[in-house]
C-alpha atoms as a PDB file:
ATOM      1  CA  UNK A   1      60.393 128.741 109.159  1.00  0.00           C
ATOM      2  CA  UNK A   2      61.015 126.545 112.519  1.00  0.00           C
ATOM      3  CA  UNK A   3      63.440 127.521 115.501  1.00  0.00           C
ATOM      4  CA  UNK A   4      66.519 125.749 114.256  1.00  0.00           C
ATOM      5  CA  UNK A   5      66.104 127.820 110.571  1.00  0.00           C
ATOM      6  CA  UNK A   6      65.770 130.991 112.723  1.00  0.00           C
ATOM      7  CA  UNK A   7      68.712 130.589 114.934  1.00  0.00           C
ATOM      8  CA  UNK A   8      70.692 129.300 111.555  1.00  0.00           C
ATOM      9  CA  UNK A   9      69.805 132.341 109.703  1.00  0.00           C
ATOM     10  CA  UNK A  10      70.957 134.904 112.713  1.00  0.00           C
ATOM     11  CA  UNK A  11      73.914 133.207 112.775  1.00  0.00           C
ATOM     12  CA  UNK A  12      74.746 134.890 109.391  1.00  0.00           C
ATOM     13  CA  UNK A  13      73.574 138.228 110.496  1.00  0.00           C
ATOM     14  CA  UNK A  14      75.850 137.697 113.528  1.00  0.00           C
ATOM     15  CA  UNK A  15      78.906 136.823 111.526  1.00  0.00           C
ATOM     16  CA  UNK A  16      78.404 139.789 108.759  1.00  0.00           C
ATOM     17  CA  UNK A  17      78.156 142.115 112.134  1.00  0.00           C
ATOM     18  CA  UNK A  18      80.879 140.413 113.606  1.00  0.00           C
ATOM     19  CA  UNK A  19      83.086 139.990 110.514  1.00  0.00           C
ATOM     20  CA  UNK A  20      83.005 144.031 110.330  1.00  0.00           C
ATOM     21  CA  UNK A  21      84.115 144.722 113.551  1.00  0.00           C
ATOM     22  CA  UNK A  22      87.087 142.702 113.365  1.00  0.00           C
ATOM     23  CA  UNK A  23      88.013 144.199 110.254  1.00  0.00           C
ATOM     24  CA  UNK A  24      87.511 147.767 111.586  1.00  0.00           C
ATOM     25  CA  UNK A  25      89.772 146.201 115.078  1.00  0.00           C
ATOM     26  CA  UNK A  26      92.422 145.120 112.194  1.00  0.00           C
ATOM     27  CA  UNK A  27      92.246 148.545 110.205  1.00  0.00           C
ATOM     28  CA  UNK A  28      92.867 150.843 113.306  1.00  0.00           C
ATOM     29  CA  UNK A  29      95.930 148.497 114.692  1.00  0.00           C
ATOM     30  CA  UNK A  30      97.534 147.108 111.530  1.00  0.00           C
ATOM     31  CA  UNK A  31      98.035 143.593 113.802  1.00  0.00           C
ATOM     32  CA  UNK A  32      98.594 140.262 111.508  1.00  0.00           C
ATOM     33  CA  UNK A  33      96.867 138.480 114.712  1.00  0.00           C
ATOM     34  CA  UNK A  34      93.646 140.811 114.649  1.00  0.00           C
ATOM     35  CA  UNK A  35      93.974 140.081 110.961  1.00  0.00           C
ATOM     36  CA  UNK A  36      94.210 136.445 111.763  1.00  0.00           C
ATOM     37  CA  UNK A  37      90.928 136.530 114.024  1.00  0.00           C
ATOM     38  CA  UNK A  38      88.997 138.542 111.389  1.00  0.00           C
ATOM     39  CA  UNK A  39      89.978 136.199 108.764  1.00  0.00           C
ATOM     40  CA  UNK A  40      88.442 133.389 110.914  1.00  0.00           C
ATOM     41  CA  UNK A  41      84.963 135.908 111.135  1.00  0.00           C
ATOM     42  CA  UNK A  42      84.938 134.791 107.331  1.00  0.00           C
ATOM     43  CA  UNK A  43      84.755 131.035 107.685  1.00  0.00           C
ATOM     44  CA  UNK A  44      82.267 132.151 110.272  1.00  0.00           C
ATOM     45  CA  UNK A  45      79.582 133.769 107.574  1.00  0.00           C
ATOM     46  CA  UNK A  46      80.215 131.006 105.437  1.00  0.00           C
ATOM     47  CA  UNK A  47      79.805 128.270 107.481  1.00  0.00           C
ATOM     48  CA  UNK A  48      76.548 130.197 109.002  1.00  0.00           C
ATOM     49  CA  UNK A  49      75.172 130.088 105.368  1.00  0.00           C
ATOM     50  CA  UNK A  50      76.300 126.253 104.637  1.00  0.00           C
ATOM     51  CA  UNK A  51      74.361 125.372 108.145  1.00  0.00           C
ATOM     52  CA  UNK A  52      71.166 127.330 106.867  1.00  0.00           C
ATOM     53  CA  UNK A  53      71.401 125.697 103.870  1.00  0.00           C
ATOM     54  CA  UNK A  54      71.303 122.366 105.612  1.00  0.00           C
ATOM     55  CA  UNK A  55      69.187 122.721 108.756  1.00  0.00           C
ATOM     56  CA  UNK A  56      66.520 124.086 105.438  1.00  0.00           C
ATOM     57  CA  UNK A  57      66.970 120.742 103.790  1.00  0.00           C
ATOM     58  CA  UNK A  58      67.225 118.254 106.808  1.00  0.00           C
ATOM     59  CA  UNK A  59      63.657 119.654 107.496  1.00  0.00           C
ATOM     60  CA  UNK A  60      62.076 118.644 104.021  1.00  0.00           C
ATOM     61  CA  UNK A  61      60.073 115.776 104.527  1.00  0.00           C
ATOM     62  CA  UNK A  62      60.749 111.914 103.124  1.00  0.00           C
ATOM     63  CA  UNK A  63      60.031 111.654  99.580  1.00  0.00           C
ATOM     64  CA  UNK A  64      60.176 108.928  96.702  1.00  0.00           C
ATOM     65  CA  UNK A  65      64.146 109.226  96.428  1.00  0.00           C
ATOM     66  CA  UNK A  66      64.924 109.957 100.140  1.00  0.00           C
ATOM     67  CA  UNK A  67      62.198 107.807 101.813  1.00  0.00           C
ATOM     68  CA  UNK A  68      64.370 107.425 105.540  1.00  0.00           C
ATOM     69  CA  UNK A  69      64.100 111.318 104.974  1.00  0.00           C
ATOM     70  CA  UNK A  70      66.824 114.058 104.485  1.00  0.00           C
ATOM     71  CA  UNK A  71      68.356 114.695 108.100  1.00  0.00           C
ATOM     72  CA  UNK A  72      71.942 113.366 107.000  1.00  0.00           C
ATOM     73  CA  UNK A  73      72.743 116.821 105.358  1.00  0.00           C
ATOM     74  CA  UNK A  74      73.490 117.917 108.314  1.00  0.00           C
ATOM     75  CA  UNK A  75      76.869 116.047 108.788  1.00  0.00           C
ATOM     76  CA  UNK A  76      77.602 116.971 105.792  1.00  0.00           C
ATOM     77  CA  UNK A  77      77.414 120.582 105.738  1.00  0.00           C
ATOM     78  CA  UNK A  78      79.775 120.118 109.145  1.00  0.00           C
ATOM     79  CA  UNK A  79      82.200 118.351 107.192  1.00  0.00           C
ATOM     80  CA  UNK A  80      81.910 121.292 104.556  1.00  0.00           C
ATOM     81  CA  UNK A  81      82.723 123.602 107.903  1.00  0.00           C
ATOM     82  CA  UNK A  82      85.630 121.636 108.634  1.00  0.00           C
ATOM     83  CA  UNK A  83      87.190 121.892 105.499  1.00  0.00           C
ATOM     84  CA  UNK A  84      86.283 125.838 105.559  1.00  0.00           C
ATOM     85  CA  UNK A  85      87.902 125.763 108.918  1.00  0.00           C
ATOM     86  CA  UNK A  86      91.079 124.041 107.826  1.00  0.00           C
ATOM     87  CA  UNK A  87      91.399 126.561 104.594  1.00  0.00           C
ATOM     88  CA  UNK A  88      91.192 129.708 106.810  1.00  0.00           C
ATOM     89  CA  UNK A  89      93.928 128.407 109.142  1.00  0.00           C
ATOM     90  CA  UNK A  90      96.221 127.622 105.901  1.00  0.00           C
ATOM     91  CA  UNK A  91      95.544 131.421 105.208  1.00  0.00           C
ATOM     92  CA  UNK A  92      96.533 132.551 108.562  1.00  0.00           C
ATOM     93  CA  UNK A  93      99.755 130.700 108.722  1.00  0.00           C
ATOM     94  CA  UNK A  94     100.318 132.356 105.419  1.00  0.00           C
ATOM     95  CA  UNK A  95     100.251 135.537 106.749  1.00  0.00           C
ATOM     96  CA  UNK A  96     102.085 134.545 110.184  1.00  0.00           C
ATOM     97  CA  UNK A  97     104.918 133.345 107.903  1.00  0.00           C
ATOM     98  CA  UNK A  98     105.306 136.717 105.839  1.00  0.00           C
ATOM     99  CA  UNK A  99     105.057 138.739 108.888  1.00  0.00           C
ATOM    100  CA  UNK A 100     107.874 136.711 110.064  1.00  0.00           C
ATOM    101  CA  UNK A 101     109.821 137.461 107.541  1.00  0.00           C
ATOM    102  CA  UNK A 102     109.609 140.806 107.258  1.00  0.00           C
ATOM    103  CA  UNK A 103     108.060 141.963 110.088  1.00  0.00           C
ATOM    104  CA  UNK A 104     106.127 145.558 110.612  1.00  0.00           C
ATOM    105  CA  UNK A 105     105.434 147.688 113.395  1.00  0.00           C
ATOM    106  CA  UNK A 106     101.741 147.973 114.348  1.00  0.00           C
ATOM    107  CA  UNK A 107      99.492 150.498 116.872  1.00  0.00           C
ATOM    108  CA  UNK A 108      97.811 148.738 119.219  1.00  0.00           C
ATOM    109  CA  UNK A 109      95.242 151.733 119.654  1.00  0.00           C
ATOM    110  CA  UNK A 110      92.885 151.408 122.420  1.00  0.00           C
ATOM    111  CA  UNK A 111      89.795 151.773 119.739  1.00  0.00           C
ATOM    112  CA  UNK A 112      90.912 148.918 117.481  1.00  0.00           C
ATOM    113  CA  UNK A 113      90.966 146.637 121.330  1.00  0.00           C
ATOM    114  CA  UNK A 114      87.672 147.862 121.845  1.00  0.00           C
ATOM    115  CA  UNK A 115      86.372 147.176 118.734  1.00  0.00           C
ATOM    116  CA  UNK A 116      87.773 143.905 118.900  1.00  0.00           C
ATOM    117  CA  UNK A 117      86.642 142.813 122.415  1.00  0.00           C
ATOM    118  CA  UNK A 118      82.942 143.605 121.004  1.00  0.00           C
ATOM    119  CA  UNK A 119      83.037 141.715 118.370  1.00  0.00           C
ATOM    120  CA  UNK A 120      84.056 138.666 120.867  1.00  0.00           C
ATOM    121  CA  UNK A 121      81.207 139.984 123.239  1.00  0.00           C
ATOM    122  CA  UNK A 122      78.779 139.161 120.748  1.00  0.00           C
ATOM    123  CA  UNK A 123      80.097 135.915 119.643  1.00  0.00           C
ATOM    124  CA  UNK A 124      80.560 134.685 122.540  1.00  0.00           C
ATOM    125  CA  UNK A 125      76.958 135.024 123.348  1.00  0.00           C
ATOM    126  CA  UNK A 126      75.590 133.776 120.388  1.00  0.00           C
ATOM    127  CA  UNK A 127      77.883 130.584 120.646  1.00  0.00           C
ATOM    128  CA  UNK A 128      76.025 130.033 123.789  1.00  0.00           C
ATOM    129  CA  UNK A 129      72.661 129.966 122.106  1.00  0.00           C
ATOM    130  CA  UNK A 130      73.440 128.196 119.102  1.00  0.00           C
ATOM    131  CA  UNK A 131      75.559 125.189 121.128  1.00  0.00           C
ATOM    132  CA  UNK A 132      72.345 125.353 123.487  1.00  0.00           C
ATOM    133  CA  UNK A 133      69.417 125.407 121.410  1.00  0.00           C
ATOM    134  CA  UNK A 134      71.567 123.387 118.839  1.00  0.00           C
ATOM    135  CA  UNK A 135      71.500 120.314 121.442  1.00  0.00           C
ATOM    136  CA  UNK A 136      68.183 120.948 122.760  1.00  0.00           C
ATOM    137  CA  UNK A 137      66.822 120.608 118.548  1.00  0.00           C
ATOM    138  CA  UNK A 138      69.439 117.856 117.807  1.00  0.00           C
ATOM    139  CA  UNK A 139      70.853 119.745 115.479  1.00  0.00           C
ATOM    140  CA  UNK A 140      74.474 118.760 114.296  1.00  0.00           C
ATOM    141  CA  UNK A 141      74.564 121.949 112.479  1.00  0.00           C
ATOM    142  CA  UNK A 142      73.665 124.657 114.693  1.00  0.00           C
ATOM    143  CA  UNK A 143      75.688 122.421 117.276  1.00  0.00           C
ATOM    144  CA  UNK A 144      78.999 122.216 114.928  1.00  0.00           C
ATOM    145  CA  UNK A 145      78.320 126.216 113.972  1.00  0.00           C
ATOM    146  CA  UNK A 146      77.883 126.677 117.748  1.00  0.00           C
ATOM    147  CA  UNK A 147      81.456 125.075 118.822  1.00  0.00           C
ATOM    148  CA  UNK A 148      83.142 126.934 115.982  1.00  0.00           C
ATOM    149  CA  UNK A 149      81.875 130.205 116.745  1.00  0.00           C
ATOM    150  CA  UNK A 150      83.690 129.141 120.614  1.00  0.00           C
ATOM    151  CA  UNK A 151      86.773 128.527 119.454  1.00  0.00           C
ATOM    152  CA  UNK A 152      87.170 131.630 117.593  1.00  0.00           C
ATOM    153  CA  UNK A 153      86.028 133.341 121.249  1.00  0.00           C
ATOM    154  CA  UNK A 154      89.176 131.456 122.787  1.00  0.00           C
ATOM    155  CA  UNK A 155      91.390 133.249 120.167  1.00  0.00           C
ATOM    156  CA  UNK A 156      89.795 136.467 119.846  1.00  0.00           C
ATOM    157  CA  UNK A 157      90.762 136.627 123.902  1.00  0.00           C
ATOM    158  CA  UNK A 158      93.975 135.618 123.996  1.00  0.00           C
ATOM    159  CA  UNK A 159      95.145 137.425 120.564  1.00  0.00           C
ATOM    160  CA  UNK A 160      93.460 140.681 122.428  1.00  0.00           C
ATOM    161  CA  UNK A 161      95.744 139.640 125.222  1.00  0.00           C
ATOM    162  CA  UNK A 162      99.178 138.881 123.328  1.00  0.00           C
ATOM    163  CA  UNK A 163      98.614 142.097 121.626  1.00  0.00           C
ATOM    164  CA  UNK A 164      98.448 144.153 124.474  1.00  0.00           C
ATOM    165  CA  UNK A 165     101.471 142.375 125.922  1.00  0.00           C
ATOM    166  CA  UNK A 166     103.276 142.792 122.181  1.00  0.00           C
ATOM    167  CA  UNK A 167     102.642 146.601 123.003  1.00  0.00           C
ATOM    168  CA  UNK A 168     103.791 147.196 126.016  1.00  0.00           C
ATOM    169  CA  UNK A 169     107.003 145.028 125.721  1.00  0.00           C
ATOM    170  CA  UNK A 170     107.432 146.166 122.108  1.00  0.00           C
ATOM    171  CA  UNK A 171     108.166 142.440 120.754  1.00  0.00           C
ATOM    172  CA  UNK A 172     106.533 142.473 117.734  1.00  0.00           C
ATOM    173  CA  UNK A 173     107.187 139.120 116.981  1.00  0.00           C
ATOM    174  CA  UNK A 174     104.347 138.071 119.301  1.00  0.00           C
ATOM    175  CA  UNK A 175     102.287 139.768 117.196  1.00  0.00           C
ATOM    176  CA  UNK A 176     103.150 136.633 114.633  1.00  0.00           C
ATOM    177  CA  UNK A 177     103.190 133.958 116.909  1.00  0.00           C
ATOM    178  CA  UNK A 178      99.525 134.407 118.316  1.00  0.00           C
ATOM    179  CA  UNK A 179      98.264 134.594 114.641  1.00  0.00           C
ATOM    180  CA  UNK A 180     100.409 131.088 114.070  1.00  0.00           C
ATOM    181  CA  UNK A 181      98.409 129.878 117.452  1.00  0.00           C
ATOM    182  CA  UNK A 182      95.143 131.435 116.082  1.00  0.00           C
ATOM    183  CA  UNK A 183      95.914 128.653 112.978  1.00  0.00           C
ATOM    184  CA  UNK A 184      96.647 125.825 115.340  1.00  0.00           C
ATOM    185  CA  UNK A 185      93.522 126.554 117.431  1.00  0.00           C
ATOM    186  CA  UNK A 186      91.543 126.685 113.954  1.00  0.00           C
ATOM    187  CA  UNK A 187      92.688 123.226 112.764  1.00  0.00           C
ATOM    188  CA  UNK A 188      92.021 121.587 115.925  1.00  0.00           C
ATOM    189  CA  UNK A 189      88.794 122.410 116.016  1.00  0.00           C
ATOM    190  CA  UNK A 190      88.284 122.039 111.938  1.00  0.00           C
ATOM    191  CA  UNK A 191      89.573 118.365 112.869  1.00  0.00           C
ATOM    192  CA  UNK A 192      87.599 117.397 115.762  1.00  0.00           C
ATOM    193  CA  UNK A 193      84.633 118.585 114.302  1.00  0.00           C
ATOM    194  CA  UNK A 194      84.762 117.106 110.907  1.00  0.00           C
ATOM    195  CA  UNK A 195      85.799 113.593 113.058  1.00  0.00           C
ATOM    196  CA  UNK A 196      82.562 114.170 114.793  1.00  0.00           C
ATOM    197  CA  UNK A 197      80.710 114.452 111.205  1.00  0.00           C
ATOM    198  CA  UNK A 198      82.031 111.986 109.808  1.00  0.00           C
ATOM    199  CA  UNK A 199      80.749 109.368 112.900  1.00  0.00           C
ATOM    200  CA  UNK A 200      76.988 110.614 112.254  1.00  0.00           C
ATOM    201  CA  UNK A 201      77.651 109.218 108.955  1.00  0.00           C
ATOM    202  CA  UNK A 202      78.961 105.831 109.786  1.00  0.00           C
ATOM    203  CA  UNK A 203      75.618 105.482 111.407  1.00  0.00           C
ATOM    204  CA  UNK A 204      77.307 104.982 114.921  1.00  0.00           C
ATOM    205  CA  UNK A 205      75.323 104.068 117.876  1.00  0.00           C
ATOM    206  CA  UNK A 206      73.302 106.193 120.753  1.00  0.00           C
ATOM    207  CA  UNK A 207      74.983 107.030 123.497  1.00  0.00           C
ATOM    208  CA  UNK A 208      75.411 104.497 126.138  1.00  0.00           C
ATOM    209  CA  UNK A 209      73.093 106.308 128.681  1.00  0.00           C
ATOM    210  CA  UNK A 210      70.274 106.874 125.857  1.00  0.00           C
ATOM    211  CA  UNK A 211      70.332 103.369 125.027  1.00  0.00           C
ATOM    212  CA  UNK A 212      69.929 101.938 128.486  1.00  0.00           C
ATOM    213  CA  UNK A 213      66.681 104.420 129.014  1.00  0.00           C
ATOM    214  CA  UNK A 214      65.776 102.696 125.097  1.00  0.00           C
ATOM    215  CA  UNK A 215      66.313  99.236 127.065  1.00  0.00           C
ATOM    216  CA  UNK A 216      64.466 100.369 129.741  1.00  0.00           C
ATOM    217  CA  UNK A 217      61.489 101.621 128.038  1.00  0.00           C
ATOM    218  CA  UNK A 218      60.805  98.518 125.996  1.00  0.00           C
ATOM    219  CA  UNK A 219      61.335  96.044 128.881  1.00  0.00           C
ATOM    220  CA  UNK A 220      58.830  97.715 130.664  1.00  0.00           C
ATOM    221  CA  UNK A 221      56.229  98.341 127.897  1.00  0.00           C
ATOM    222  CA  UNK A 222      56.223  95.188 126.193  1.00  0.00           C
ATOM    223  CA  UNK A 223      54.401  92.714 128.729  1.00  0.00           C
ATOM    224  CA  UNK A 224      52.700  90.135 126.466  1.00  0.00           C
ATOM    225  CA  UNK A 225      55.874  89.585 124.698  1.00  0.00           C
ATOM    226  CA  UNK A 226      58.870  87.381 125.421  1.00  0.00           C
ATOM    227  CA  UNK A 227      61.927  88.977 124.875  1.00  0.00           C
ATOM    228  CA  UNK A 228      63.454  91.921 122.793  1.00  0.00           C
ATOM    229  CA  UNK A 229      66.634  91.194 121.387  1.00  0.00           C
ATOM    230  CA  UNK A 230      69.208  92.777 118.463  1.00  0.00           C
ATOM    231  CA  UNK A 231      68.142  96.065 118.967  1.00  0.00           C
ATOM    232  CA  UNK A 232      70.085  98.817 116.775  1.00  0.00           C
ATOM    233  CA  UNK A 233      70.140 102.190 116.943  1.00  0.00           C
ATOM    234  CA  UNK A 234      72.128 104.973 114.858  1.00  0.00           C
ATOM    235  CA  UNK A 235      71.751 108.984 114.858  1.00  0.00           C
ATOM    236  CA  UNK A 236      70.635 110.606 111.398  1.00  0.00           C
ATOM    237  CA  UNK A 237      70.608 114.032 112.766  1.00  0.00           C
ATOM    238  CA  UNK A 238      67.486 115.118 114.584  1.00  0.00           C
ATOM    239  CA  UNK A 239      66.319 111.623 113.859  1.00  0.00           C
ATOM    240  CA  UNK A 240      66.704 108.560 115.989  1.00  0.00           C
ATOM    241  CA  UNK A 241      66.454 105.197 114.390  1.00  0.00           C
ATOM    242  CA  UNK A 242      65.440 102.228 116.653  1.00  0.00           C
ATOM    243  CA  UNK A 243      64.663  98.681 115.235  1.00  0.00           C
ATOM    244  CA  UNK A 244      65.086  95.212 116.865  1.00  0.00           C
ATOM    245  CA  UNK A 245      63.050  91.654 117.238  1.00  0.00           C
ATOM    246  CA  UNK A 246      60.568  91.542 119.451  1.00  0.00           C
ATOM    247  CA  UNK A 247      59.596  87.505 120.313  1.00  0.00           C
ATOM    248  CA  UNK A 248      55.571  86.647 121.244  1.00  0.00           C
ATOM    249  CA  UNK A 249      53.787  83.648 121.704  1.00  0.00           C
ATOM    250  CA  UNK A 250      53.045  81.406 118.624  1.00  0.00           C
ATOM    251  CA  UNK A 251      49.599  81.426 119.548  1.00  0.00           C
ATOM    252  CA  UNK A 252      49.149  85.265 119.613  1.00  0.00           C
ATOM    253  CA  UNK A 253      46.763  86.988 117.281  1.00  0.00           C
ATOM    254  CA  UNK A 254      48.303  89.401 114.964  1.00  0.00           C
ATOM    255  CA  UNK A 255      46.442  92.194 116.502  1.00  0.00           C
ATOM    256  CA  UNK A 256      47.451  91.498 119.777  1.00  0.00           C
ATOM    257  CA  UNK A 257      51.111  91.401 119.134  1.00  0.00           C
ATOM    258  CA  UNK A 258      50.821  94.712 117.062  1.00  0.00           C
ATOM    259  CA  UNK A 259      49.022  96.695 120.002  1.00  0.00           C
ATOM    260  CA  UNK A 260      51.969  95.931 122.133  1.00  0.00           C
ATOM    261  CA  UNK A 261      54.095  97.624 119.545  1.00  0.00           C
ATOM    262  CA  UNK A 262      51.693 100.559 119.310  1.00  0.00           C
ATOM    263  CA  UNK A 263      52.467 100.748 122.904  1.00  0.00           C
ATOM    264  CA  UNK A 264      55.949 100.697 122.969  1.00  0.00           C
ATOM    265  CA  UNK A 265      56.325 102.385 120.101  1.00  0.00           C
ATOM    266  CA  UNK A 266      54.295 105.512 121.917  1.00  0.00           C
ATOM    267  CA  UNK A 267      56.942 104.886 125.027  1.00  0.00           C
ATOM    268  CA  UNK A 268      59.675 105.636 122.971  1.00  0.00           C
ATOM    269  CA  UNK A 269      58.913 107.968 121.397  1.00  0.00           C
ATOM    270  CA  UNK A 270      57.798 110.070 125.097  1.00  0.00           C
ATOM    271  CA  UNK A 271      61.405 108.935 126.136  1.00  0.00           C
ATOM    272  CA  UNK A 272      63.464 110.195 122.500  1.00  0.00           C
ATOM    273  CA  UNK A 273      62.040 112.309 120.780  1.00  0.00           C
ATOM    274  CA  UNK A 274      61.912 112.688 116.655  1.00  0.00           C
ATOM    275  CA  UNK A 275      62.356 108.665 116.892  1.00  0.00           C
ATOM    276  CA  UNK A 276      61.897 106.046 113.654  1.00  0.00           C
ATOM    277  CA  UNK A 277      60.988 103.229 115.081  1.00  0.00           C
ATOM    278  CA  UNK A 278      60.603  99.458 113.572  1.00  0.00           C
ATOM    279  CA  UNK A 279      59.775  96.243 115.171  1.00  0.00           C
ATOM    280  CA  UNK A 280      60.153  92.518 113.607  1.00  0.00           C
ATOM    281  CA  UNK A 281      57.712  90.550 115.405  1.00  0.00           C
ATOM    282  CA  UNK A 282      58.739  86.903 116.198  1.00  0.00           C
ATOM    283  CA  UNK A 283      57.563  83.665 117.029  1.00  0.00           C
ATOM    284  CA  UNK A 284      59.075  82.485 120.141  1.00  0.00           C
ATOM    285  CA  UNK A 285      60.411  79.837 118.733  1.00  0.00           C
ATOM    286  CA  UNK A 286      63.048  82.410 117.633  1.00  0.00           C
ATOM    287  CA  UNK A 287      63.985  83.617 120.972  1.00  0.00           C
ATOM    288  CA  UNK A 288      67.408  83.582 121.423  1.00  0.00           C
ATOM    289  CA  UNK A 289      67.189  83.695 125.280  1.00  0.00           C
ATOM    290  CA  UNK A 290      69.375  87.317 125.164  1.00  0.00           C
ATOM    291  CA  UNK A 291      68.849  90.486 124.721  1.00  0.00           C
ATOM    292  CA  UNK A 292      65.978  92.341 126.705  1.00  0.00           C
ATOM    293  CA  UNK A 293      64.040  90.731 129.158  1.00  0.00           C
ATOM    294  CA  UNK A 294      60.679  91.479 129.405  1.00  0.00           C
ATOM    295  CA  UNK A 295      59.188  92.663 132.775  1.00  0.00           C
END
């Protein structure tokens, strides 16, 4: 099991622990806002399970039915996570509406607030680890899980402050309002996550800074060729696909052209981790005099 899979598995354990703490906080206080916070933790556990399945599937090598690998499954998992986030938000809206129609007193006990605060601290530390390691490993599933936990932490902090304010002022409606605000925050998180995932499924190009580095690497390592054009890039999970046309002199041997391609591929893989590169070699009469100039 690689590092990404271990982190995904760790998210399940952390999610279950936080879920238990948040429901304990709700049991101790009876606060609808804290109940909404606990409901979101159920989604955290589900998304952690989905993320683990996604990273395990994406790690499988290419096969006859999937010659380009299984990397895109991480984007599908992120979409599924977004759906679960939206479902959780709707459940919280329901509880907030019922609480608004029939306000109930709650007990903002110090024990309950401390338990919820401990759960938020655990979530905060773990979401930082997931986002940092997910970006380092280029795992959309881990980054998605970490970003969702980050919204959970932010809403939890707001809920804690609001519940304490409701207890001090005696305004019970604040508890309901906070629950509704948590739901709005969750909805926004789900929308952002699904939008990013759909971009990956639609084969969006790499970011401009990465694209510029790729162009520079090709330009400085294609000595002997004339130009490179029709450069295309896309992401698929941790993989970066790069393909372009390389124009060489018509009298150049296949062996020499192959050596140039090997040199470019080595340089690109050193610059862009997990790159899958396809180079189409063309004779000089196919030159477009546009694209990448060989230095």
